[in-house]
Amino acid sequence: MTETAQITRALSKDPCSHKETWWWNEEIAEAAREKKKKYGNWKKDKLTEAWKEYKKIRQNAKRVTSLAKGKKQKECASNLSDPKHQNEIFPIPKQQGLLANC
């Protein structure tokens, strides 16, 4: 009975509780810091020039994030054909013991 409760509890958890940013890197972190800095400048000054700077940095941060995600997804997709990396497809359910019978 406790085993069933553990499985049910694991399945009913919010999927975001195991979410990880596997695509995050230093370039994205730098873009996020710069965006946050420009946002603070705009909030403090309320100038249109500051807003334009923030808007440009925000677009750059989105671009950097999108490129990093795409690059990492291609890297992960190319690794799926390698038998050594095939176990990385479902790491969380295996850690929780949900796919023990599969």
PDB file of N, CA and C in Angstrom:
ATOM      1  N   MET A   1       0.814  -1.185   0.000  1.00  0.00           N
ATOM      2  CA  MET A   1       0.000   0.000   0.000  1.00  0.00           C
ATOM      3  C   MET A   1       0.868   1.264   0.000  1.00  0.00           C
ATOM      4  N   THR A   2       1.947   1.251   0.778  1.00  0.00           N
ATOM      5  CA  THR A   2       2.810   2.436   0.800  1.00  0.00           C
ATOM      6  C   THR A   2       3.508   2.640  -0.543  1.00  0.00           C
ATOM      7  N   GLU A   3       3.789   1.526  -1.222  1.00  0.00           N
ATOM      8  CA  GLU A   3       4.426   1.633  -2.541  1.00  0.00           C
ATOM      9  C   GLU A   3       3.492   2.326  -3.530  1.00  0.00           C
ATOM     10  N   THR A   4       2.227   1.963  -3.512  1.00  0.00           N
ATOM     11  CA  THR A   4       1.236   2.590  -4.388  1.00  0.00           C
ATOM     12  C   THR A   4       1.082   4.070  -4.043  1.00  0.00           C
ATOM     13  N   ALA A   5       1.103   4.396  -2.774  1.00  0.00           N
ATOM     14  CA  ALA A   5       0.982   5.793  -2.354  1.00  0.00           C
ATOM     15  C   ALA A   5       2.172   6.610  -2.840  1.00  0.00           C
ATOM     16  N   GLN A   6       3.364   6.034  -2.782  1.00  0.00           N
ATOM     17  CA  GLN A   6       4.545   6.747  -3.253  1.00  0.00           C
ATOM     18  C   GLN A   6       4.476   6.984  -4.759  1.00  0.00           C
ATOM     19  N   ILE A   7       4.025   5.994  -5.497  1.00  0.00           N
ATOM     20  CA  ILE A   7       3.910   6.147  -6.951  1.00  0.00           C
ATOM     21  C   ILE A   7       2.859   7.195  -7.283  1.00  0.00           C
ATOM     22  N   THR A   8       1.718   7.140  -6.602  1.00  0.00           N
ATOM     23  CA  THR A   8       0.649   8.101  -6.840  1.00  0.00           C
ATOM     24  C   THR A   8       1.110   9.508  -6.489  1.00  0.00           C
ATOM     25  N   ARG A   9       1.798   9.651  -5.381  1.00  0.00           N
ATOM     26  CA  ARG A   9       2.287  10.962  -4.971  1.00  0.00           C
ATOM     27  C   ARG A   9       3.277  11.504  -5.995  1.00  0.00           C
ATOM     28  N   ALA A  10       4.143  10.644  -6.503  1.00  0.00           N
ATOM     29  CA  ALA A  10       5.127  11.072  -7.489  1.00  0.00           C
ATOM     30  C   ALA A  10       4.459  11.487  -8.796  1.00  0.00           C
ATOM     31  N   LEU A  11       3.393  10.785  -9.176  1.00  0.00           N
ATOM     32  CA  LEU A  11       2.709  11.114 -10.417  1.00  0.00           C
ATOM     33  C   LEU A  11       1.850  12.364 -10.293  1.00  0.00           C
ATOM     34  N   SER A  12       1.362  12.653  -9.091  1.00  0.00           N
ATOM     35  CA  SER A  12       0.476  13.794  -8.930  1.00  0.00           C
ATOM     36  C   SER A  12       1.227  15.085  -8.626  1.00  0.00           C
ATOM     37  N   LYS A  13       2.535  15.021  -8.510  1.00  0.00           N
ATOM     38  CA  LYS A  13       3.306  16.234  -8.261  1.00  0.00           C
ATOM     39  C   LYS A  13       3.269  17.140  -9.484  1.00  0.00           C
ATOM     40  N   ASP A  14       3.460  18.406  -9.228  1.00  0.00           N
ATOM     41  CA  ASP A  14       3.552  19.371 -10.315  1.00  0.00           C
ATOM     42  C   ASP A  14       4.778  19.034 -11.167  1.00  0.00           C
ATOM     43  N   PRO A  15       4.637  18.960 -12.487  1.00  0.00           N
ATOM     44  CA  PRO A  15       5.774  18.606 -13.327  1.00  0.00           C
ATOM     45  C   PRO A  15       6.917  19.605 -13.218  1.00  0.00           C
ATOM     46  N   CYS A  16       6.620  20.819 -12.805  1.00  0.00           N
ATOM     47  CA  CYS A  16       7.670  21.820 -12.686  1.00  0.00           C
ATOM     48  C   CYS A  16       8.564  21.581 -11.478  1.00  0.00           C
ATOM     49  N   SER A  17       8.185  20.683 -10.591  1.00  0.00           N
ATOM     50  CA  SER A  17       9.008  20.449  -9.419  1.00  0.00           C
ATOM     51  C   SER A  17      10.336  19.789  -9.783  1.00  0.00           C
ATOM     52  N   HIS A  18      10.417  19.186 -10.962  1.00  0.00           N
ATOM     53  CA  HIS A  18      11.659  18.557 -11.398  1.00  0.00           C
ATOM     54  C   HIS A  18      12.278  19.278 -12.595  1.00  0.00           C
ATOM     55  N   LYS A  19      11.769  20.440 -12.872  1.00  0.00           N
ATOM     56  CA  LYS A  19      12.237  21.177 -14.042  1.00  0.00           C
ATOM     57  C   LYS A  19      13.666  21.675 -13.800  1.00  0.00           C
ATOM     58  N   GLU A  20      14.478  21.523 -14.783  1.00  0.00           N
ATOM     59  CA  GLU A  20      15.826  22.029 -14.669  1.00  0.00           C
ATOM     60  C   GLU A  20      16.181  22.781 -15.940  1.00  0.00           C
ATOM     61  N   THR A  21      17.052  23.722 -15.808  1.00  0.00           N
ATOM     62  CA  THR A  21      17.452  24.522 -16.960  1.00  0.00           C
ATOM     63  C   THR A  21      18.719  23.914 -17.555  1.00  0.00           C
ATOM     64  N   TRP A  22      18.566  22.873 -18.298  1.00  0.00           N
ATOM     65  CA  TRP A  22      19.678  22.150 -18.900  1.00  0.00           C
ATOM     66  C   TRP A  22      20.333  22.949 -19.997  1.00  0.00           C
ATOM     67  N   TRP A  23      19.693  24.004 -20.468  1.00  0.00           N
ATOM     68  CA  TRP A  23      20.232  24.812 -21.543  1.00  0.00           C
ATOM     69  C   TRP A  23      20.917  26.064 -21.037  1.00  0.00           C
ATOM     70  N   TRP A  24      20.876  26.330 -19.734  1.00  0.00           N
ATOM     71  CA  TRP A  24      21.436  27.553 -19.157  1.00  0.00           C
ATOM     72  C   TRP A  24      22.961  27.512 -19.245  1.00  0.00           C
ATOM     73  N   ASN A  25      23.568  28.641 -19.652  1.00  0.00           N
ATOM     74  CA  ASN A  25      25.021  28.741 -19.674  1.00  0.00           C
ATOM     75  C   ASN A  25      25.438  30.149 -19.255  1.00  0.00           C
ATOM     76  N   GLU A  26      26.722  30.407 -19.256  1.00  0.00           N
ATOM     77  CA  GLU A  26      27.240  31.686 -18.779  1.00  0.00           C
ATOM     78  C   GLU A  26      26.821  32.846 -19.693  1.00  0.00           C
ATOM     79  N   GLU A  27      26.710  32.591 -20.975  1.00  0.00           N
ATOM     80  CA  GLU A  27      26.288  33.636 -21.913  1.00  0.00           C
ATOM     81  C   GLU A  27      24.861  34.103 -21.608  1.00  0.00           C
ATOM     82  N   ILE A  28      23.993  33.167 -21.305  1.00  0.00           N
ATOM     83  CA  ILE A  28      22.612  33.508 -20.953  1.00  0.00           C
ATOM     84  C   ILE A  28      22.581  34.241 -19.610  1.00  0.00           C
ATOM     85  N   ALA A  29      23.398  33.792 -18.676  1.00  0.00           N
ATOM     86  CA  ALA A  29      23.444  34.444 -17.368  1.00  0.00           C
ATOM     87  C   ALA A  29      23.898  35.900 -17.503  1.00  0.00           C
ATOM     88  N   GLU A  30      24.883  36.142 -18.346  1.00  0.00           N
ATOM     89  CA  GLU A  30      25.360  37.507 -18.562  1.00  0.00           C
ATOM     90  C   GLU A  30      24.267  38.372 -19.200  1.00  0.00           C
ATOM     91  N   ALA A  31      23.554  37.828 -20.186  1.00  0.00           N
ATOM     92  CA  ALA A  31      22.465  38.565 -20.827  1.00  0.00           C
ATOM     93  C   ALA A  31      21.356  38.876 -19.816  1.00  0.00           C
ATOM     94  N   ALA A  32      21.063  37.935 -18.933  1.00  0.00           N
ATOM     95  CA  ALA A  32      20.025  38.146 -17.920  1.00  0.00           C
ATOM     96  C   ALA A  32      20.456  39.220 -16.918  1.00  0.00           C
ATOM     97  N   ARG A  33      21.726  39.206 -16.517  1.00  0.00           N
ATOM     98  CA  ARG A  33      22.221  40.236 -15.597  1.00  0.00           C
ATOM     99  C   ARG A  33      22.134  41.626 -16.233  1.00  0.00           C
ATOM    100  N   GLU A  34      22.533  41.711 -17.497  1.00  0.00           N
ATOM    101  CA  GLU A  34      22.483  42.994 -18.211  1.00  0.00           C
ATOM    102  C   GLU A  34      21.041  43.480 -18.348  1.00  0.00           C
ATOM    103  N   LYS A  35      20.132  42.569 -18.653  1.00  0.00           N
ATOM    104  CA  LYS A  35      18.718  42.920 -18.783  1.00  0.00           C
ATOM    105  C   LYS A  35      18.169  43.441 -17.461  1.00  0.00           C
ATOM    106  N   LYS A  36      18.519  42.772 -16.388  1.00  0.00           N
ATOM    107  CA  LYS A  36      18.055  43.186 -15.066  1.00  0.00           C
ATOM    108  C   LYS A  36      18.600  44.563 -14.705  1.00  0.00           C
ATOM    109  N   LYS A  37      19.849  44.810 -15.046  1.00  0.00           N
ATOM    110  CA  LYS A  37      20.475  46.099 -14.776  1.00  0.00           C
ATOM    111  C   LYS A  37      19.779  47.215 -15.553  1.00  0.00           C
ATOM    112  N   LYS A  38      19.522  46.984 -16.839  1.00  0.00           N
ATOM    113  CA  LYS A  38      18.861  47.997 -17.670  1.00  0.00           C
ATOM    114  C   LYS A  38      17.421  48.234 -17.204  1.00  0.00           C
ATOM    115  N   TYR A  39      16.755  47.179 -16.751  1.00  0.00           N
ATOM    116  CA  TYR A  39      15.399  47.336 -16.237  1.00  0.00           C
ATOM    117  C   TYR A  39      15.404  48.221 -14.993  1.00  0.00           C
ATOM    118  N   GLY A  40      16.375  47.991 -14.111  1.00  0.00           N
ATOM    119  CA  GLY A  40      16.492  48.819 -12.909  1.00  0.00           C
ATOM    120  C   GLY A  40      16.755  50.272 -13.260  1.00  0.00           C
ATOM    121  N   ASN A  41      17.603  50.510 -14.265  1.00  0.00           N
ATOM    122  CA  ASN A  41      17.870  51.884 -14.708  1.00  0.00           C
ATOM    123  C   ASN A  41      16.597  52.546 -15.224  1.00  0.00           C
ATOM    124  N   TRP A  42      15.821  51.798 -15.991  1.00  0.00           N
ATOM    125  CA  TRP A  42      14.588  52.362 -16.531  1.00  0.00           C
ATOM    126  C   TRP A  42      13.588  52.653 -15.414  1.00  0.00           C
ATOM    127  N   LYS A  43      13.429  51.732 -14.471  1.00  0.00           N
ATOM    128  CA  LYS A  43      12.475  51.927 -13.375  1.00  0.00           C
ATOM    129  C   LYS A  43      12.870  53.133 -12.523  1.00  0.00           C
ATOM    130  N   LYS A  44      14.171  53.341 -12.374  1.00  0.00           N
ATOM    131  CA  LYS A  44      14.649  54.443 -11.549  1.00  0.00           C
ATOM    132  C   LYS A  44      14.460  55.789 -12.263  1.00  0.00           C
ATOM    133  N   ASP A  45      14.807  55.858 -13.541  1.00  0.00           N
ATOM    134  CA  ASP A  45      14.812  57.127 -14.260  1.00  0.00           C
ATOM    135  C   ASP A  45      13.503  57.437 -14.988  1.00  0.00           C
ATOM    136  N   LYS A  46      12.806  56.405 -15.466  1.00  0.00           N
ATOM    137  CA  LYS A  46      11.563  56.558 -16.245  1.00  0.00           C
ATOM    138  C   LYS A  46      11.780  57.418 -17.496  1.00  0.00           C
ATOM    139  N   LEU A  47      12.939  57.248 -18.142  1.00  0.00           N
ATOM    140  CA  LEU A  47      13.251  57.979 -19.366  1.00  0.00           C
ATOM    141  C   LEU A  47      13.013  57.084 -20.579  1.00  0.00           C
ATOM    142  N   THR A  48      12.647  57.698 -21.690  1.00  0.00           N
ATOM    143  CA  THR A  48      12.406  56.915 -22.900  1.00  0.00           C
ATOM    144  C   THR A  48      13.703  56.306 -23.432  1.00  0.00           C
ATOM    145  N   GLU A  49      14.845  56.987 -23.231  1.00  0.00           N
ATOM    146  CA  GLU A  49      16.127  56.429 -23.677  1.00  0.00           C
ATOM    147  C   GLU A  49      16.455  55.145 -22.900  1.00  0.00           C
ATOM    148  N   ALA A  50      16.183  55.195 -21.598  1.00  0.00           N
ATOM    149  CA  ALA A  50      16.426  54.015 -20.763  1.00  0.00           C
ATOM    150  C   ALA A  50      15.511  52.870 -21.191  1.00  0.00           C
ATOM    151  N   TRP A  51      14.256  53.193 -21.559  1.00  0.00           N
ATOM    152  CA  TRP A  51      13.319  52.162 -22.015  1.00  0.00           C
ATOM    153  C   TRP A  51      13.808  51.533 -23.318  1.00  0.00           C
ATOM    154  N   LYS A  52      14.302  52.358 -24.228  1.00  0.00           N
ATOM    155  CA  LYS A  52      14.806  51.847 -25.501  1.00  0.00           C
ATOM    156  C   LYS A  52      16.016  50.946 -25.293  1.00  0.00           C
ATOM    157  N   GLU A  53      16.899  51.341 -24.379  1.00  0.00           N
ATOM    158  CA  GLU A  53      18.063  50.493 -24.065  1.00  0.00           C
ATOM    159  C   GLU A  53      17.611  49.162 -23.482  1.00  0.00           C
ATOM    160  N   TYR A  54      16.655  49.224 -22.548  1.00  0.00           N
ATOM    161  CA  TYR A  54      16.143  47.994 -21.935  1.00  0.00           C
ATOM    162  C   TYR A  54      15.489  47.094 -22.971  1.00  0.00           C
ATOM    163  N   LYS A  55      14.719  47.707 -23.875  1.00  0.00           N
ATOM    164  CA  LYS A  55      14.022  46.932 -24.899  1.00  0.00           C
ATOM    165  C   LYS A  55      15.025  46.219 -25.812  1.00  0.00           C
ATOM    166  N   LYS A  56      16.108  46.916 -26.172  1.00  0.00           N
ATOM    167  CA  LYS A  56      17.127  46.316 -27.029  1.00  0.00           C
ATOM    168  C   LYS A  56      17.842  45.161 -26.311  1.00  0.00           C
ATOM    169  N   ILE A  57      18.170  45.369 -25.039  1.00  0.00           N
ATOM    170  CA  ILE A  57      18.837  44.325 -24.251  1.00  0.00           C
ATOM    171  C   ILE A  57      17.897  43.146 -24.035  1.00  0.00           C
ATOM    172  N   ARG A  58      16.612  43.421 -23.847  1.00  0.00           N
ATOM    173  CA  ARG A  58      15.628  42.349 -23.657  1.00  0.00           C
ATOM    174  C   ARG A  58      15.528  41.480 -24.903  1.00  0.00           C
ATOM    175  N   GLN A  59      15.499  42.106 -26.065  1.00  0.00           N
ATOM    176  CA  GLN A  59      15.455  41.349 -27.313  1.00  0.00           C
ATOM    177  C   GLN A  59      16.720  40.511 -27.488  1.00  0.00           C
ATOM    178  N   ASN A  60      17.854  41.082 -27.116  1.00  0.00           N
ATOM    179  CA  ASN A  60      19.116  40.350 -27.210  1.00  0.00           C
ATOM    180  C   ASN A  60      19.113  39.136 -26.269  1.00  0.00           C
ATOM    181  N   ALA A  61      18.583  39.317 -25.069  1.00  0.00           N
ATOM    182  CA  ALA A  61      18.528  38.211 -24.111  1.00  0.00           C
ATOM    183  C   ALA A  61      17.637  37.087 -24.639  1.00  0.00           C
ATOM    184  N   LYS A  62      16.522  37.443 -25.253  1.00  0.00           N
ATOM    185  CA  LYS A  62      15.632  36.424 -25.837  1.00  0.00           C
ATOM    186  C   LYS A  62      16.346  35.681 -26.962  1.00  0.00           C
ATOM    187  N   ARG A  63      17.093  36.417 -27.785  1.00  0.00           N
ATOM    188  CA  ARG A  63      17.811  35.800 -28.894  1.00  0.00           C
ATOM    189  C   ARG A  63      18.887  34.847 -28.381  1.00  0.00           C
ATOM    190  N   VAL A  64      19.651  35.296 -27.398  1.00  0.00           N
ATOM    191  CA  VAL A  64      20.711  34.465 -26.836  1.00  0.00           C
ATOM    192  C   VAL A  64      20.124  33.196 -26.225  1.00  0.00           C
ATOM    193  N   THR A  65      19.020  33.333 -25.499  1.00  0.00           N
ATOM    194  CA  THR A  65      18.375  32.179 -24.874  1.00  0.00           C
ATOM    195  C   THR A  65      17.864  31.202 -25.928  1.00  0.00           C
ATOM    196  N   SER A  66      17.233  31.723 -26.956  1.00  0.00           N
ATOM    197  CA  SER A  66      16.702  30.873 -28.013  1.00  0.00           C
ATOM    198  C   SER A  66      17.816  30.116 -28.734  1.00  0.00           C
ATOM    199  N   LEU A  67      18.902  30.801 -29.038  1.00  0.00           N
ATOM    200  CA  LEU A  67      20.031  30.148 -29.709  1.00  0.00           C
ATOM    201  C   LEU A  67      20.651  29.063 -28.830  1.00  0.00           C
ATOM    202  N   ALA A  68      20.785  29.347 -27.541  1.00  0.00           N
ATOM    203  CA  ALA A  68      21.372  28.363 -26.631  1.00  0.00           C
ATOM    204  C   ALA A  68      20.472  27.138 -26.494  1.00  0.00           C
ATOM    205  N   LYS A  69      19.147  27.354 -26.401  1.00  0.00           N
ATOM    206  CA  LYS A  69      18.217  26.231 -26.312  1.00  0.00           C
ATOM    207  C   LYS A  69      18.278  25.371 -27.565  1.00  0.00           C
ATOM    208  N   GLY A  70      18.272  26.025 -28.729  1.00  0.00           N
ATOM    209  CA  GLY A  70      18.338  25.286 -29.990  1.00  0.00           C
ATOM    210  C   GLY A  70      19.619  24.485 -30.123  1.00  0.00           C
ATOM    211  N   LYS A  71      20.717  25.095 -29.732  1.00  0.00           N
ATOM    212  CA  LYS A  71      22.012  24.406 -29.802  1.00  0.00           C
ATOM    213  C   LYS A  71      22.029  23.189 -28.887  1.00  0.00           C
ATOM    214  N   LYS A  72      21.520  23.357 -27.678  1.00  0.00           N
ATOM    215  CA  LYS A  72      21.506  22.250 -26.720  1.00  0.00           C
ATOM    216  C   LYS A  72      20.543  21.145 -27.162  1.00  0.00           C
ATOM    217  N   GLN A  73      19.402  21.517 -27.754  1.00  0.00           N
ATOM    218  CA  GLN A  73      18.454  20.510 -28.237  1.00  0.00           C
ATOM    219  C   GLN A  73      19.059  19.698 -29.371  1.00  0.00           C
ATOM    220  N   LYS A  74      19.769  20.362 -30.278  1.00  0.00           N
ATOM    221  CA  LYS A  74      20.435  19.630 -31.363  1.00  0.00           C
ATOM    222  C   LYS A  74      21.499  18.702 -30.814  1.00  0.00           C
ATOM    223  N   GLU A  75      22.230  19.180 -29.819  1.00  0.00           N
ATOM    224  CA  GLU A  75      23.267  18.350 -29.190  1.00  0.00           C
ATOM    225  C   GLU A  75      22.645  17.120 -28.527  1.00  0.00           C
ATOM    226  N   CYS A  76      21.542  17.317 -27.820  1.00  0.00           N
ATOM    227  CA  CYS A  76      20.873  16.194 -27.158  1.00  0.00           C
ATOM    228  C   CYS A  76      20.284  15.229 -28.182  1.00  0.00           C
ATOM    229  N   ALA A  77      19.721  15.753 -29.262  1.00  0.00           N
ATOM    230  CA  ALA A  77      19.134  14.894 -30.290  1.00  0.00           C
ATOM    231  C   ALA A  77      20.204  14.060 -30.979  1.00  0.00           C
ATOM    232  N   SER A  78      21.376  14.634 -31.193  1.00  0.00           N
ATOM    233  CA  SER A  78      22.448  13.864 -31.829  1.00  0.00           C
ATOM    234  C   SER A  78      22.995  12.802 -30.880  1.00  0.00           C
ATOM    235  N   ASN A  79      22.881  13.027 -29.580  1.00  0.00           N
ATOM    236  CA  ASN A  79      23.362  12.051 -28.597  1.00  0.00           C
ATOM    237  C   ASN A  79      22.424  10.854 -28.447  1.00  0.00           C
ATOM    238  N   LEU A  80      21.164  10.967 -28.890  1.00  0.00           N
ATOM    239  CA  LEU A  80      20.205   9.882 -28.705  1.00  0.00           C
ATOM    240  C   LEU A  80      20.571   8.639 -29.498  1.00  0.00           C
ATOM    241  N   SER A  81      21.277   8.800 -30.604  1.00  0.00           N
ATOM    242  CA  SER A  81      21.669   7.634 -31.391  1.00  0.00           C
ATOM    243  C   SER A  81      22.826   6.884 -30.739  1.00  0.00           C
ATOM    244  N   ASP A  82      23.518   7.531 -29.824  1.00  0.00           N
ATOM    245  CA  ASP A  82      24.628   6.897 -29.116  1.00  0.00           C
ATOM    246  C   ASP A  82      24.059   6.046 -27.970  1.00  0.00           C
ATOM    247  N   PRO A  83      24.379   4.747 -27.922  1.00  0.00           N
ATOM    248  CA  PRO A  83      23.816   3.884 -26.868  1.00  0.00           C
ATOM    249  C   PRO A  83      24.179   4.340 -25.454  1.00  0.00           C
ATOM    250  N   LYS A  84      25.299   5.012 -25.322  1.00  0.00           N
ATOM    251  CA  LYS A  84      25.729   5.465 -24.003  1.00  0.00           C
ATOM    252  C   LYS A  84      24.777   6.524 -23.437  1.00  0.00           C
ATOM    253  N   HIS A  85      24.127   7.318 -24.309  1.00  0.00           N
ATOM    254  CA  HIS A  85      23.264   8.409 -23.881  1.00  0.00           C
ATOM    255  C   HIS A  85      21.777   8.077 -23.952  1.00  0.00           C
ATOM    256  N   GLN A  86      21.405   6.874 -24.350  1.00  0.00           N
ATOM    257  CA  GLN A  86      19.987   6.541 -24.486  1.00  0.00           C
ATOM    258  C   GLN A  86      19.263   6.499 -23.148  1.00  0.00           C
ATOM    259  N   ASN A  87      19.964   6.284 -22.064  1.00  0.00           N
ATOM    260  CA  ASN A  87      19.325   6.247 -20.746  1.00  0.00           C
ATOM    261  C   ASN A  87      19.013   7.641 -20.227  1.00  0.00           C
ATOM    262  N   GLU A  88      19.430   8.692 -20.922  1.00  0.00           N
ATOM    263  CA  GLU A  88      19.176  10.051 -20.475  1.00  0.00           C
ATOM    264  C   GLU A  88      17.805  10.563 -20.910  1.00  0.00           C
ATOM    265  N   ILE A  89      17.040   9.757 -21.630  1.00  0.00           N
ATOM    266  CA  ILE A  89      15.745  10.203 -22.119  1.00  0.00           C
ATOM    267  C   ILE A  89      14.763  10.382 -20.962  1.00  0.00           C
ATOM    268  N   PHE A  90      14.703   9.438 -20.060  1.00  0.00           N
ATOM    269  CA  PHE A  90      13.773   9.489 -18.939  1.00  0.00           C
ATOM    270  C   PHE A  90      14.527   9.393 -17.613  1.00  0.00           C
ATOM    271  N   PRO A  91      15.376  10.346 -17.263  1.00  0.00           N
ATOM    272  CA  PRO A  91      16.156  10.201 -16.038  1.00  0.00           C
ATOM    273  C   PRO A  91      15.330  10.354 -14.763  1.00  0.00           C
ATOM    274  N   ILE A  92      14.344  11.235 -14.742  1.00  0.00           N
ATOM    275  CA  ILE A  92      13.604  11.493 -13.506  1.00  0.00           C
ATOM    276  C   ILE A  92      12.696  10.326 -13.130  1.00  0.00           C
ATOM    277  N   PRO A  93      11.877   9.777 -14.046  1.00  0.00           N
ATOM    278  CA  PRO A  93      11.052   8.631 -13.651  1.00  0.00           C
ATOM    279  C   PRO A  93      11.886   7.426 -13.215  1.00  0.00           C
ATOM    280  N   LYS A  94      13.047   7.230 -13.837  1.00  0.00           N
ATOM    281  CA  LYS A  94      13.872   6.110 -13.414  1.00  0.00           C
ATOM    282  C   LYS A  94      14.417   6.327 -12.016  1.00  0.00           C
ATOM    283  N   GLN A  95      14.769   7.584 -11.699  1.00  0.00           N
ATOM    284  CA  GLN A  95      15.263   7.878 -10.363  1.00  0.00           C
ATOM    285  C   GLN A  95      14.179   7.662  -9.321  1.00  0.00           C
ATOM    286  N   GLN A  96      12.940   7.930  -9.689  1.00  0.00           N
ATOM    287  CA  GLN A  96      11.832   7.764  -8.744  1.00  0.00           C
ATOM    288  C   GLN A  96      11.339   6.321  -8.682  1.00  0.00           C
ATOM    289  N   GLY A  97      11.826   5.475  -9.586  1.00  0.00           N
ATOM    290  CA  GLY A  97      11.411   4.075  -9.591  1.00  0.00           C
ATOM    291  C   GLY A  97      10.099   3.852 -10.301  1.00  0.00           C
ATOM    292  N   LEU A  98       9.626   4.825 -11.070  1.00  0.00           N
ATOM    293  CA  LEU A  98       8.339   4.675 -11.739  1.00  0.00           C
ATOM    294  C   LEU A  98       8.417   3.759 -12.951  1.00  0.00           C
ATOM    295  N   LEU A  99       9.587   3.679 -13.580  1.00  0.00           N
ATOM    296  CA  LEU A  99       9.739   2.844 -14.766  1.00  0.00           C
ATOM    297  C   LEU A  99      10.544   1.582 -14.465  1.00  0.00           C
ATOM    298  N   ALA A 100      10.456   1.102 -13.268  1.00  0.00           N
ATOM    299  CA  ALA A 100      11.243  -0.062 -12.867  1.00  0.00           C
ATOM    300  C   ALA A 100      10.824  -1.310 -13.654  1.00  0.00           C
ATOM    301  N   ASN A 101       9.554  -1.412 -14.026  1.00  0.00           N
ATOM    302  CA  ASN A 101       9.072  -2.597 -14.732  1.00  0.00           C
ATOM    303  C   ASN A 101       9.173  -2.489 -16.234  1.00  0.00           C
ATOM    304  N   CYS A 102       9.559  -1.344 -16.746  1.00  0.00           N
ATOM    305  CA  CYS A 102       9.618  -1.137 -18.204  1.00  0.00           C
ATOM    306  C   CYS A 102      10.874  -1.741 -18.805  1.00  0.00           C
TER     307      CYS A 102
END
